[in-house]
PDB file of N, CA and C in Angstrom:
ATOM      1  N   MET A   1     112.126 113.183  89.636  1.00  0.00           N
ATOM      2  CA  MET A   1     112.651 111.929  89.161  1.00  0.00           C
ATOM      3  C   MET A   1     112.239 110.815  90.129  1.00  0.00           C
ATOM      4  N   PRO A   2     111.686 109.729  89.616  1.00  0.00           N
ATOM      5  CA  PRO A   2     111.294 108.620  90.491  1.00  0.00           C
ATOM      6  C   PRO A   2     112.506 108.054  91.234  1.00  0.00           C
ATOM      7  N   THR A   3     112.299 107.644  92.466  1.00  0.00           N
ATOM      8  CA  THR A   3     113.378 107.042  93.229  1.00  0.00           C
ATOM      9  C   THR A   3     113.690 105.654  92.681  1.00  0.00           C
ATOM     10  N   THR A   4     114.830 105.138  93.062  1.00  0.00           N
ATOM     11  CA  THR A   4     115.219 103.800  92.624  1.00  0.00           C
ATOM     12  C   THR A   4     114.203 102.769  93.088  1.00  0.00           C
ATOM     13  N   GLU A   5     113.723 102.927  94.323  1.00  0.00           N
ATOM     14  CA  GLU A   5     112.736 101.980  94.859  1.00  0.00           C
ATOM     15  C   GLU A   5     111.442 102.004  94.042  1.00  0.00           C
ATOM     16  N   GLU A   6     110.990 103.216  93.670  1.00  0.00           N
ATOM     17  CA  GLU A   6     109.771 103.330  92.865  1.00  0.00           C
ATOM     18  C   GLU A   6     109.960 102.683  91.501  1.00  0.00           C
ATOM     19  N   ARG A   7     111.111 102.919  90.890  1.00  0.00           N
ATOM     20  CA  ARG A   7     111.390 102.300  89.583  1.00  0.00           C
ATOM     21  C   ARG A   7     111.429 100.782  89.693  1.00  0.00           C
ATOM     22  N   MET A   8     112.020 100.284  90.770  1.00  0.00           N
ATOM     23  CA  MET A   8     112.102  98.828  90.959  1.00  0.00           C
ATOM     24  C   MET A   8     110.711  98.215  91.130  1.00  0.00           C
ATOM     25  N   ARG A   9     109.831  98.912  91.838  1.00  0.00           N
ATOM     26  CA  ARG A   9     108.458  98.410  91.998  1.00  0.00           C
ATOM     27  C   ARG A   9     107.761  98.313  90.644  1.00  0.00           C
ATOM     28  N   ILE A  10     107.949  99.325  89.822  1.00  0.00           N
ATOM     29  CA  ILE A  10     107.323  99.326  88.497  1.00  0.00           C
ATOM     30  C   ILE A  10     107.892  98.195  87.650  1.00  0.00           C
ATOM     31  N   LEU A  11     109.200  98.018  87.684  1.00  0.00           N
ATOM     32  CA  LEU A  11     109.820  96.924  86.925  1.00  0.00           C
ATOM     33  C   LEU A  11     109.345  95.564  87.430  1.00  0.00           C
ATOM     34  N   GLN A  12     109.159  95.448  88.722  1.00  0.00           N
ATOM     35  CA  GLN A  12     108.654  94.195  89.294  1.00  0.00           C
ATOM     36  C   GLN A  12     107.253  93.898  88.774  1.00  0.00           C
ATOM     37  N   MET A  13     106.401  94.943  88.684  1.00  0.00           N
ATOM     38  CA  MET A  13     105.047  94.748  88.166  1.00  0.00           C
ATOM     39  C   MET A  13     105.086  94.300  86.708  1.00  0.00           C
ATOM     40  N   VAL A  14     106.044  94.815  85.944  1.00  0.00           N
ATOM     41  CA  VAL A  14     106.196  94.384  84.545  1.00  0.00           C
ATOM     42  C   VAL A  14     106.607  92.923  84.508  1.00  0.00           C
ATOM     43  N   SER A  15     107.592  92.554  85.326  1.00  0.00           N
ATOM     44  CA  SER A  15     108.070  91.175  85.303  1.00  0.00           C
ATOM     45  C   SER A  15     107.010  90.178  85.763  1.00  0.00           C
ATOM     46  N   GLU A  16     106.102  90.626  86.624  1.00  0.00           N
ATOM     47  CA  GLU A  16     105.022  89.758  87.092  1.00  0.00           C
ATOM     48  C   GLU A  16     103.834  89.753  86.134  1.00  0.00           C
ATOM     49  N   GLY A  17     103.915  90.564  85.088  1.00  0.00           N
ATOM     50  CA  GLY A  17     102.835  90.619  84.111  1.00  0.00           C
ATOM     51  C   GLY A  17     101.633  91.432  84.553  1.00  0.00           C
ATOM     52  N   LYS A  18     101.773  92.221  85.616  1.00  0.00           N
ATOM     53  CA  LYS A  18     100.665  93.029  86.105  1.00  0.00           C
ATOM     54  C   LYS A  18     100.420  94.246  85.219  1.00  0.00           C
ATOM     55  N   ILE A  19     101.488  94.774  84.637  1.00  0.00           N
ATOM     56  CA  ILE A  19     101.370  95.892  83.703  1.00  0.00           C
ATOM     57  C   ILE A  19     102.299  95.626  82.521  1.00  0.00           C
ATOM     58  N   THR A  20     102.039  96.303  81.414  1.00  0.00           N
ATOM     59  CA  THR A  20     102.897  96.150  80.235  1.00  0.00           C
ATOM     60  C   THR A  20     104.073  97.102  80.339  1.00  0.00           C
ATOM     61  N   ALA A  21     105.069  96.885  79.497  1.00  0.00           N
ATOM     62  CA  ALA A  21     106.217  97.787  79.452  1.00  0.00           C
ATOM     63  C   ALA A  21     105.770  99.189  79.055  1.00  0.00           C
ATOM     64  N   GLN A  22     104.780  99.264  78.188  1.00  0.00           N
ATOM     65  CA  GLN A  22     104.249 100.553  77.759  1.00  0.00           C
ATOM     66  C   GLN A  22     103.599 101.289  78.944  1.00  0.00           C
ATOM     67  N   ASP A  23     102.841 100.568  79.764  1.00  0.00           N
ATOM     68  CA  ASP A  23     102.241 101.169  80.959  1.00  0.00           C
ATOM     69  C   ASP A  23     103.329 101.630  81.927  1.00  0.00           C
ATOM     70  N   ALA A  24     104.382 100.841  82.062  1.00  0.00           N
ATOM     71  CA  ALA A  24     105.488 101.205  82.948  1.00  0.00           C
ATOM     72  C   ALA A  24     106.151 102.496  82.471  1.00  0.00           C
ATOM     73  N   ALA A  25     106.351 102.612  81.171  1.00  0.00           N
ATOM     74  CA  ALA A  25     106.959 103.831  80.626  1.00  0.00           C
ATOM     75  C   ALA A  25     106.076 105.039  80.915  1.00  0.00           C
ATOM     76  N   ARG A  26     104.764 104.872  80.787  1.00  0.00           N
ATOM     77  CA  ARG A  26     103.840 105.979  81.082  1.00  0.00           C
ATOM     78  C   ARG A  26     103.898 106.359  82.563  1.00  0.00           C
ATOM     79  N   LEU A  27     103.948 105.352  83.428  1.00  0.00           N
ATOM     80  CA  LEU A  27     104.034 105.620  84.857  1.00  0.00           C
ATOM     81  C   LEU A  27     105.310 106.389  85.197  1.00  0.00           C
ATOM     82  N   LEU A  28     106.429 105.939  84.660  1.00  0.00           N
ATOM     83  CA  LEU A  28     107.702 106.606  84.929  1.00  0.00           C
ATOM     84  C   LEU A  28     107.689 108.042  84.419  1.00  0.00           C
ATOM     85  N   GLU A  29     107.126 108.253  83.248  1.00  0.00           N
ATOM     86  CA  GLU A  29     107.028 109.595  82.684  1.00  0.00           C
ATOM     87  C   GLU A  29     106.135 110.476  83.550  1.00  0.00           C
ATOM     88  N   ALA A  30     105.008 109.932  83.979  1.00  0.00           N
ATOM     89  CA  ALA A  30     104.087 110.699  84.825  1.00  0.00           C
ATOM     90  C   ALA A  30     104.743 111.053  86.157  1.00  0.00           C
ATOM     91  N   MET A  31     105.516 110.137  86.706  1.00  0.00           N
ATOM     92  CA  MET A  31     106.210 110.399  87.962  1.00  0.00           C
ATOM     93  C   MET A  31     107.236 111.508  87.785  1.00  0.00           C
ATOM     94  N   SER A  32     107.952 111.486  86.697  1.00  0.00           N
ATOM     95  CA  SER A  32     108.940 112.528  86.427  1.00  0.00           C
ATOM     96  C   SER A  32     108.259 113.879  86.269  1.00  0.00           C
ATOM     97  N   GLN A  33     107.152 113.898  85.546  1.00  0.00           N
ATOM     98  CA  GLN A  33     106.413 115.148  85.359  1.00  0.00           C
ATOM     99  C   GLN A  33     105.863 115.661  86.685  1.00  0.00           C
ATOM    100  N   ALA A  34     105.354 114.760  87.507  1.00  0.00           N
ATOM    101  CA  ALA A  34     104.813 115.162  88.809  1.00  0.00           C
ATOM    102  C   ALA A  34     105.912 115.761  89.677  1.00  0.00           C
ATOM    103  N   ASP A  35     107.105 115.184  89.643  1.00  0.00           N
ATOM    104  CA  ASP A  35     108.228 115.707  90.419  1.00  0.00           C
ATOM    105  C   ASP A  35     108.613 117.093  89.931  1.00  0.00           C
ATOM    106  N   GLN A  36     108.617 117.300  88.615  1.00  0.00           N
ATOM    107  CA  GLN A  36     108.953 118.605  88.056  1.00  0.00           C
ATOM    108  C   GLN A  36     107.920 119.641  88.467  1.00  0.00           C
ATOM    109  N   GLN A  37     106.648 119.269  88.473  1.00  0.00           N
ATOM    110  CA  GLN A  37     105.589 120.200  88.854  1.00  0.00           C
ATOM    111  C   GLN A  37     105.658 120.537  90.330  1.00  0.00           C
ATOM    112  N   GLN A  38     106.130 119.609  91.146  1.00  0.00           N
ATOM    113  CA  GLN A  38     106.161 119.834  92.586  1.00  0.00           C
ATOM    114  C   GLN A  38     107.327 120.704  93.017  1.00  0.00           C
ATOM    115  N   SER A  39     108.406 120.735  92.255  1.00  0.00           N
ATOM    116  CA  SER A  39     109.538 121.557  92.666  1.00  0.00           C
ATOM    117  C   SER A  39     109.113 123.016  92.632  1.00  0.00           C
ATOM    118  N   GLY A  40     109.348 123.712  93.730  1.00  0.00           N
ATOM    119  CA  GLY A  40     108.942 125.100  93.833  1.00  0.00           C
ATOM    120  C   GLY A  40     107.481 125.291  94.192  1.00  0.00           C
ATOM    121  N   SER A  41     106.758 124.206  94.403  1.00  0.00           N
ATOM    122  CA  SER A  41     105.339 124.285  94.749  1.00  0.00           C
ATOM    123  C   SER A  41     105.162 124.015  96.241  1.00  0.00           C
ATOM    124  N   PRO A  42     103.942 124.149  96.745  1.00  0.00           N
ATOM    125  CA  PRO A  42     103.706 123.871  98.166  1.00  0.00           C
ATOM    126  C   PRO A  42     104.101 122.439  98.514  1.00  0.00           C
ATOM    127  N   PRO A  43     104.260 122.152  99.795  1.00  0.00           N
ATOM    128  CA  PRO A  43     104.664 120.799 100.212  1.00  0.00           C
ATOM    129  C   PRO A  43     103.727 119.720  99.643  1.00  0.00           C
ATOM    130  N   ALA A  44     104.308 118.554  99.439  1.00  0.00           N
ATOM    131  CA  ALA A  44     103.547 117.429  98.868  1.00  0.00           C
ATOM    132  C   ALA A  44     102.380 117.068  99.777  1.00  0.00           C
ATOM    133  N   ARG A  45     101.305 116.589  99.150  1.00  0.00           N
ATOM    134  CA  ARG A  45     100.167 116.080  99.902  1.00  0.00           C
ATOM    135  C   ARG A  45     100.304 114.575  99.992  1.00  0.00           C
ATOM    136  N   TRP A  46      99.730 114.020 101.013  1.00  0.00           N
ATOM    137  CA  TRP A  46      99.861 112.588 101.280  1.00  0.00           C
ATOM    138  C   TRP A  46      98.498 111.956 101.477  1.00  0.00           C
ATOM    139  N   LEU A  47      98.379 110.714 101.032  1.00  0.00           N
ATOM    140  CA  LEU A  47      97.195 109.906 101.292  1.00  0.00           C
ATOM    141  C   LEU A  47      97.580 108.932 102.400  1.00  0.00           C
ATOM    142  N   HIS A  48      96.793 108.919 103.440  1.00  0.00           N
ATOM    143  CA  HIS A  48      97.068 108.086 104.609  1.00  0.00           C
ATOM    144  C   HIS A  48      95.941 107.074 104.743  1.00  0.00           C
ATOM    145  N   VAL A  49      96.286 105.784 104.748  1.00  0.00           N
ATOM    146  CA  VAL A  49      95.288 104.712 104.869  1.00  0.00           C
ATOM    147  C   VAL A  49      95.584 103.921 106.142  1.00  0.00           C
ATOM    148  N   ARG A  50      94.556 103.760 106.964  1.00  0.00           N
ATOM    149  CA  ARG A  50      94.708 103.004 108.206  1.00  0.00           C
ATOM    150  C   ARG A  50      93.611 101.949 108.277  1.00  0.00           C
ATOM    151  N   VAL A  51      93.997 100.699 108.524  1.00  0.00           N
ATOM    152  CA  VAL A  51      93.049  99.602 108.711  1.00  0.00           C
ATOM    153  C   VAL A  51      93.179  99.148 110.161  1.00  0.00           C
ATOM    154  N   THR A  52      92.043  99.139 110.866  1.00  0.00           N
ATOM    155  CA  THR A  52      92.035  98.811 112.289  1.00  0.00           C
ATOM    156  C   THR A  52      91.189  97.576 112.537  1.00  0.00           C
ATOM    157  N   ASP A  53      91.692  96.693 113.390  1.00  0.00           N
ATOM    158  CA  ASP A  53      90.924  95.543 113.872  1.00  0.00           C
ATOM    159  C   ASP A  53      90.081  96.065 115.029  1.00  0.00           C
ATOM    160  N   THR A  54      88.780  96.199 114.807  1.00  0.00           N
ATOM    161  CA  THR A  54      87.917  96.810 115.822  1.00  0.00           C
ATOM    162  C   THR A  54      87.705  95.912 117.034  1.00  0.00           C
ATOM    163  N   THR A  55      87.827  94.605 116.873  1.00  0.00           N
ATOM    164  CA  THR A  55      87.613  93.717 118.018  1.00  0.00           C
ATOM    165  C   THR A  55      88.803  93.767 118.976  1.00  0.00           C
ATOM    166  N   ALA A  56      90.013  93.891 118.447  1.00  0.00           N
ATOM    167  CA  ALA A  56      91.211  93.939 119.286  1.00  0.00           C
ATOM    168  C   ALA A  56      91.694  95.374 119.517  1.00  0.00           C
ATOM    169  N   ALA A  57      91.053  96.330 118.844  1.00  0.00           N
ATOM    170  CA  ALA A  57      91.444  97.749 118.933  1.00  0.00           C
ATOM    171  C   ALA A  57      92.916  97.940 118.573  1.00  0.00           C
ATOM    172  N   LYS A  58      93.361  97.219 117.520  1.00  0.00           N
ATOM    173  CA  LYS A  58      94.747  97.324 117.067  1.00  0.00           C
ATOM    174  C   LYS A  58      94.781  97.742 115.606  1.00  0.00           C
ATOM    175  N   THR A  59      95.796  98.521 115.272  1.00  0.00           N
ATOM    176  CA  THR A  59      95.997  98.915 113.882  1.00  0.00           C
ATOM    177  C   THR A  59      96.653  97.759 113.138  1.00  0.00           C
ATOM    178  N   LYS A  60      96.019  97.336 112.033  1.00  0.00           N
ATOM    179  CA  LYS A  60      96.562  96.242 111.223  1.00  0.00           C
ATOM    180  C   LYS A  60      97.491  96.770 110.130  1.00  0.00           C
ATOM    181  N   THR A  61      97.098  97.894 109.526  1.00  0.00           N
ATOM    182  CA  THR A  61      97.874  98.502 108.451  1.00  0.00           C
ATOM    183  C   THR A  61      97.812 100.010 108.612  1.00  0.00           C
ATOM    184  N   ASP A  62      98.947 100.648 108.400  1.00  0.00           N
ATOM    185  CA  ASP A  62      99.020 102.102 108.491  1.00  0.00           C
ATOM    186  C   ASP A  62     100.057 102.550 107.462  1.00  0.00           C
ATOM    187  N   ILE A  63      99.584 103.151 106.366  1.00  0.00           N
ATOM    188  CA  ILE A  63     100.482 103.486 105.263  1.00  0.00           C
ATOM    189  C   ILE A  63     100.223 104.910 104.787  1.00  0.00           C
ATOM    190  N   THR A  64     101.285 105.600 104.394  1.00  0.00           N
ATOM    191  CA  THR A  64     101.190 106.947 103.854  1.00  0.00           C
ATOM    192  C   THR A  64     101.834 106.948 102.474  1.00  0.00           C
ATOM    193  N   ILE A  65     101.117 107.503 101.493  1.00  0.00           N
ATOM    194  CA  ILE A  65     101.555 107.466 100.092  1.00  0.00           C
ATOM    195  C   ILE A  65     101.455 108.874  99.511  1.00  0.00           C
ATOM    196  N   PRO A  66     102.473 109.319  98.743  1.00  0.00           N
ATOM    197  CA  PRO A  66     102.360 110.631  98.089  1.00  0.00           C
ATOM    198  C   PRO A  66     101.162 110.651  97.133  1.00  0.00           C
ATOM    199  N   ILE A  67     100.438 111.762  97.137  1.00  0.00           N
ATOM    200  CA  ILE A  67      99.236 111.895  96.312  1.00  0.00           C
ATOM    201  C   ILE A  67      99.525 111.643  94.836  1.00  0.00           C
ATOM    202  N   HIS A  68     100.654 112.140  94.316  1.00  0.00           N
ATOM    203  CA  HIS A  68     100.897 111.960  92.877  1.00  0.00           C
ATOM    204  C   HIS A  68     101.038 110.484  92.514  1.00  0.00           C
ATOM    205  N   ILE A  69     101.546 109.666  93.408  1.00  0.00           N
ATOM    206  CA  ILE A  69     101.638 108.224  93.163  1.00  0.00           C
ATOM    207  C   ILE A  69     100.226 107.626  93.167  1.00  0.00           C
ATOM    208  N   VAL A  70      99.399 108.069  94.087  1.00  0.00           N
ATOM    209  CA  VAL A  70      98.020 107.587  94.168  1.00  0.00           C
ATOM    210  C   VAL A  70      97.268 107.928  92.884  1.00  0.00           C
ATOM    211  N   GLN A  71      97.432 109.155  92.408  1.00  0.00           N
ATOM    212  CA  GLN A  71      96.734 109.579  91.204  1.00  0.00           C
ATOM    213  C   GLN A  71      97.157 108.748  89.994  1.00  0.00           C
ATOM    214  N   MET A  72      98.448 108.429  89.895  1.00  0.00           N
ATOM    215  CA  MET A  72      98.899 107.569  88.792  1.00  0.00           C
ATOM    216  C   MET A  72      98.304 106.173  88.917  1.00  0.00           C
ATOM    217  N   GLY A  73      98.285 105.647  90.132  1.00  0.00           N
ATOM    218  CA  GLY A  73      97.706 104.327  90.359  1.00  0.00           C
ATOM    219  C   GLY A  73      96.230 104.282  90.039  1.00  0.00           C
ATOM    220  N   ILE A  74      95.536 105.361  90.352  1.00  0.00           N
ATOM    221  CA  ILE A  74      94.100 105.441  90.063  1.00  0.00           C
ATOM    222  C   ILE A  74      93.869 105.395  88.559  1.00  0.00           C
ATOM    223  N   LYS A  75      94.672 106.144  87.824  1.00  0.00           N
ATOM    224  CA  LYS A  75      94.523 106.152  86.363  1.00  0.00           C
ATOM    225  C   LYS A  75      94.780 104.761  85.789  1.00  0.00           C
ATOM    226  N   LEU A  76      95.835 104.113  86.282  1.00  0.00           N
ATOM    227  CA  LEU A  76      96.157 102.767  85.805  1.00  0.00           C
ATOM    228  C   LEU A  76      95.071 101.783  86.229  1.00  0.00           C
ATOM    229  N   GLY A  77      94.636 101.876  87.480  1.00  0.00           N
ATOM    230  CA  GLY A  77      93.602 100.977  87.992  1.00  0.00           C
ATOM    231  C   GLY A  77      92.283 101.135  87.264  1.00  0.00           C
ATOM    232  N   ALA A  78      91.948 102.366  86.891  1.00  0.00           N
ATOM    233  CA  ALA A  78      90.694 102.601  86.175  1.00  0.00           C
ATOM    234  C   ALA A  78      90.712 101.896  84.829  1.00  0.00           C
ATOM    235  N   ARG A  79      91.863 101.889  84.178  1.00  0.00           N
ATOM    236  CA  ARG A  79      91.959 101.200  82.891  1.00  0.00           C
ATOM    237  C   ARG A  79      91.884  99.695  83.061  1.00  0.00           C
ATOM    238  N   LEU A  80      92.488  99.186  84.117  1.00  0.00           N
ATOM    239  CA  LEU A  80      92.493  97.736  84.333  1.00  0.00           C
ATOM    240  C   LEU A  80      91.145  97.234  84.846  1.00  0.00           C
ATOM    241  N   ALA A  81      90.460  98.034  85.663  1.00  0.00           N
ATOM    242  CA  ALA A  81      89.205  97.601  86.272  1.00  0.00           C
ATOM    243  C   ALA A  81      88.016  97.740  85.336  1.00  0.00           C
ATOM    244  N   GLY A  82      88.119  98.626  84.379  1.00  0.00           N
ATOM    245  CA  GLY A  82      86.997  98.827  83.465  1.00  0.00           C
ATOM    246  C   GLY A  82      85.800  99.399  84.187  1.00  0.00           C
ATOM    247  N   GLU A  83      84.668  98.768  84.059  1.00  0.00           N
ATOM    248  CA  GLU A  83      83.429  99.276  84.639  1.00  0.00           C
ATOM    249  C   GLU A  83      83.194  98.803  86.074  1.00  0.00           C
ATOM    250  N   GLN A  84      84.021  97.932  86.579  1.00  0.00           N
ATOM    251  CA  GLN A  84      83.823  97.395  87.929  1.00  0.00           C
ATOM    252  C   GLN A  84      84.385  98.374  88.954  1.00  0.00           C
ATOM    253  N   ARG A  85      83.566  99.345  89.368  1.00  0.00           N
ATOM    254  CA  ARG A  85      84.017 100.342  90.322  1.00  0.00           C
ATOM    255  C   ARG A  85      83.039 100.406  91.481  1.00  0.00           C
ATOM    256  N   LEU A  86      83.582 100.697  92.638  1.00  0.00           N
ATOM    257  CA  LEU A  86      82.767 100.820  93.839  1.00  0.00           C
ATOM    258  C   LEU A  86      82.427 102.283  94.085  1.00  0.00           C
ATOM    259  N   SER A  87      81.317 102.544  94.749  1.00  0.00           N
ATOM    260  CA  SER A  87      80.946 103.927  95.036  1.00  0.00           C
ATOM    261  C   SER A  87      81.994 104.590  95.926  1.00  0.00           C
ATOM    262  N   SER A  88      82.604 103.846  96.847  1.00  0.00           N
ATOM    263  CA  SER A  88      83.633 104.436  97.714  1.00  0.00           C
ATOM    264  C   SER A  88      84.854 104.844  96.889  1.00  0.00           C
ATOM    265  N   TYR A  89      85.146 104.121  95.839  1.00  0.00           N
ATOM    266  CA  TYR A  89      86.239 104.481  94.922  1.00  0.00           C
ATOM    267  C   TYR A  89      85.964 105.856  94.336  1.00  0.00           C
ATOM    268  N   ASP A  90      84.748 106.077  93.875  1.00  0.00           N
ATOM    269  CA  ASP A  90      84.382 107.371  93.301  1.00  0.00           C
ATOM    270  C   ASP A  90      84.469 108.487  94.332  1.00  0.00           C
ATOM    271  N   GLU A  91      84.101 108.202  95.586  1.00  0.00           N
ATOM    272  CA  GLU A  91      84.202 109.199  96.650  1.00  0.00           C
ATOM    273  C   GLU A  91      85.657 109.624  96.856  1.00  0.00           C
ATOM    274  N   VAL A  92      86.559 108.657  96.862  1.00  0.00           N
ATOM    275  CA  VAL A  92      87.978 108.960  97.050  1.00  0.00           C
ATOM    276  C   VAL A  92      88.494 109.792  95.879  1.00  0.00           C
ATOM    277  N   ILE A  93      88.141 109.411  94.668  1.00  0.00           N
ATOM    278  CA  ILE A  93      88.574 110.150  93.474  1.00  0.00           C
ATOM    279  C   ILE A  93      88.089 111.597  93.541  1.00  0.00           C
ATOM    280  N   GLN A  94      86.821 111.798  93.865  1.00  0.00           N
ATOM    281  CA  GLN A  94      86.269 113.150  93.936  1.00  0.00           C
ATOM    282  C   GLN A  94      86.977 113.981  95.002  1.00  0.00           C
ATOM    283  N   ALA A  95      87.255 113.378  96.144  1.00  0.00           N
ATOM    284  CA  ALA A  95      87.939 114.100  97.220  1.00  0.00           C
ATOM    285  C   ALA A  95      89.347 114.508  96.801  1.00  0.00           C
ATOM    286  N   LEU A  96      90.057 113.606  96.125  1.00  0.00           N
ATOM    287  CA  LEU A  96      91.411 113.925  95.664  1.00  0.00           C
ATOM    288  C   LEU A  96      91.388 115.035  94.624  1.00  0.00           C
ATOM    289  N   GLN A  97      90.464 114.950  93.689  1.00  0.00           N
ATOM    290  CA  GLN A  97      90.385 115.945  92.620  1.00  0.00           C
ATOM    291  C   GLN A  97      89.971 117.314  93.142  1.00  0.00           C
ATOM    292  N   SER A  98      89.176 117.350  94.181  1.00  0.00           N
ATOM    293  CA  SER A  98      88.705 118.630  94.716  1.00  0.00           C
ATOM    294  C   SER A  98      89.710 119.274  95.657  1.00  0.00           C
ATOM    295  N   GLY A  99      90.758 118.523  96.039  1.00  0.00           N
ATOM    296  CA  GLY A  99      91.751 119.065  96.952  1.00  0.00           C
ATOM    297  C   GLY A  99      91.340 118.988  98.405  1.00  0.00           C
ATOM    298  N   GLN A 100      90.338 118.198  98.699  1.00  0.00           N
ATOM    299  CA  GLN A 100      89.839 118.032 100.069  1.00  0.00           C
ATOM    300  C   GLN A 100      90.944 117.492 100.965  1.00  0.00           C
ATOM    301  N   THR A 101      90.957 117.903 102.222  1.00  0.00           N
ATOM    302  CA  THR A 101      91.912 117.381 103.191  1.00  0.00           C
ATOM    303  C   THR A 101      91.152 116.811 104.380  1.00  0.00           C
ATOM    304  N   GLY A 102      91.869 116.090 105.232  1.00  0.00           N
ATOM    305  CA  GLY A 102      91.244 115.440 106.380  1.00  0.00           C
ATOM    306  C   GLY A 102      90.734 114.060 105.995  1.00  0.00           C
ATOM    307  N   LYS A 103      89.821 113.522 106.805  1.00  0.00           N
ATOM    308  CA  LYS A 103      89.276 112.189 106.551  1.00  0.00           C
ATOM    309  C   LYS A 103      88.329 112.255 105.359  1.00  0.00           C
ATOM    310  N   ILE A 104      88.603 111.419 104.344  1.00  0.00           N
ATOM    311  CA  ILE A 104      87.752 111.430 103.157  1.00  0.00           C
ATOM    312  C   ILE A 104      86.912 110.168 103.038  1.00  0.00           C
ATOM    313  N   LEU A 105      87.252 109.141 103.814  1.00  0.00           N
ATOM    314  CA  LEU A 105      86.460 107.916 103.762  1.00  0.00           C
ATOM    315  C   LEU A 105      86.662 107.127 105.045  1.00  0.00           C
ATOM    316  N   GLU A 106      85.573 106.576 105.551  1.00  0.00           N
ATOM    317  CA  GLU A 106      85.634 105.641 106.666  1.00  0.00           C
ATOM    318  C   GLU A 106      84.625 104.543 106.381  1.00  0.00           C
ATOM    319  N   ALA A 107      85.079 103.312 106.417  1.00  0.00           N
ATOM    320  CA  ALA A 107      84.201 102.174 106.159  1.00  0.00           C
ATOM    321  C   ALA A 107      84.487 101.105 107.211  1.00  0.00           C
ATOM    322  N   GLU A 108      83.433 100.449 107.664  1.00  0.00           N
ATOM    323  CA  GLU A 108      83.600  99.413 108.670  1.00  0.00           C
ATOM    324  C   GLU A 108      82.862  98.159 108.237  1.00  0.00           C
ATOM    325  N   ASP A 109      83.544  97.027 108.362  1.00  0.00           N
ATOM    326  CA  ASP A 109      82.952  95.729 108.083  1.00  0.00           C
ATOM    327  C   ASP A 109      82.721  95.062 109.436  1.00  0.00           C
ATOM    328  N   VAL A 110      81.485  95.038 109.874  1.00  0.00           N
ATOM    329  CA  VAL A 110      81.145  94.514 111.198  1.00  0.00           C
ATOM    330  C   VAL A 110      81.478  93.030 111.295  1.00  0.00           C
ATOM    331  N   GLU A 111      81.209  92.278 110.232  1.00  0.00           N
ATOM    332  CA  GLU A 111      81.463  90.833 110.255  1.00  0.00           C
ATOM    333  C   GLU A 111      82.943  90.509 110.468  1.00  0.00           C
ATOM    334  N   SER A 112      83.820  91.192 109.742  1.00  0.00           N
ATOM    335  CA  SER A 112      85.252  90.898 109.865  1.00  0.00           C
ATOM    336  C   SER A 112      85.905  91.710 110.976  1.00  0.00           C
ATOM    337  N   GLY A 113      85.187  92.702 111.502  1.00  0.00           N
ATOM    338  CA  GLY A 113      85.734  93.516 112.579  1.00  0.00           C
ATOM    339  C   GLY A 113      86.840  94.445 112.114  1.00  0.00           C
ATOM    340  N   GLU A 114      86.718  94.976 110.892  1.00  0.00           N
ATOM    341  CA  GLU A 114      87.744  95.872 110.365  1.00  0.00           C
ATOM    342  C   GLU A 114      87.154  97.235 110.024  1.00  0.00           C
ATOM    343  N   ARG A 115      87.948  98.248 110.278  1.00  0.00           N
ATOM    344  CA  ARG A 115      87.587  99.617 109.901  1.00  0.00           C
ATOM    345  C   ARG A 115      88.709 100.162 109.016  1.00  0.00           C
ATOM    346  N   VAL A 116      88.330 100.791 107.900  1.00  0.00           N
ATOM    347  CA  VAL A 116      89.285 101.425 106.985  1.00  0.00           C
ATOM    348  C   VAL A 116      89.028 102.921 107.020  1.00  0.00           C
ATOM    349  N   GLU A 117      90.093 103.675 107.252  1.00  0.00           N
ATOM    350  CA  GLU A 117      90.002 105.129 107.224  1.00  0.00           C
ATOM    351  C   GLU A 117      91.021 105.659 106.236  1.00  0.00           C
ATOM    352  N   ILE A 118      90.586 106.634 105.415  1.00  0.00           N
ATOM    353  CA  ILE A 118      91.480 107.248 104.438  1.00  0.00           C
ATOM    354  C   ILE A 118      91.477 108.748 104.675  1.00  0.00           C
ATOM    355  N   PHE A 119      92.687 109.314 104.822  1.00  0.00           N
ATOM    356  CA  PHE A 119      92.878 110.735 105.078  1.00  0.00           C
ATOM    357  C   PHE A 119      93.760 111.341 103.987  1.00  0.00           C
ATOM    358  N   VAL A 120      93.575 112.628 103.739  1.00  0.00           N
ATOM    359  CA  VAL A 120      94.501 113.381 102.894  1.00  0.00           C
ATOM    360  C   VAL A 120      95.137 114.427 103.791  1.00  0.00           C
ATOM    361  N   GLU A 121      96.473 114.445 103.800  1.00  0.00           N
ATOM    362  CA  GLU A 121      97.216 115.383 104.656  1.00  0.00           C
ATOM    363  C   GLU A 121      98.051 116.302 103.808  1.00  0.00           C
TER     364      GLU A 121
END
């Protein structure tokens, strides 16, 4: 069952017009199904994203997200983005679908001095 916070985020996206009520219902249903599938299964997997300022050697963003939430977001994002996809997006999708763990993507923008690392734990 989705947590209250997760439901509130989905409702907020509806109120902001980012997704339709129909999309929200699908997301909530998918979250409930994912929770049912996870009960009695191995521990949840997590997607970990870290953005580092390479010039200051400081972490700018460090977030961990349950894989099932990421997979739902990917499905929704694919519908919204249409054909505008990046090759790194496809790499992340393939890694998630194959069950790969560890670092699945590292990208660095020399001009902005940022490094993005994505891990599956």
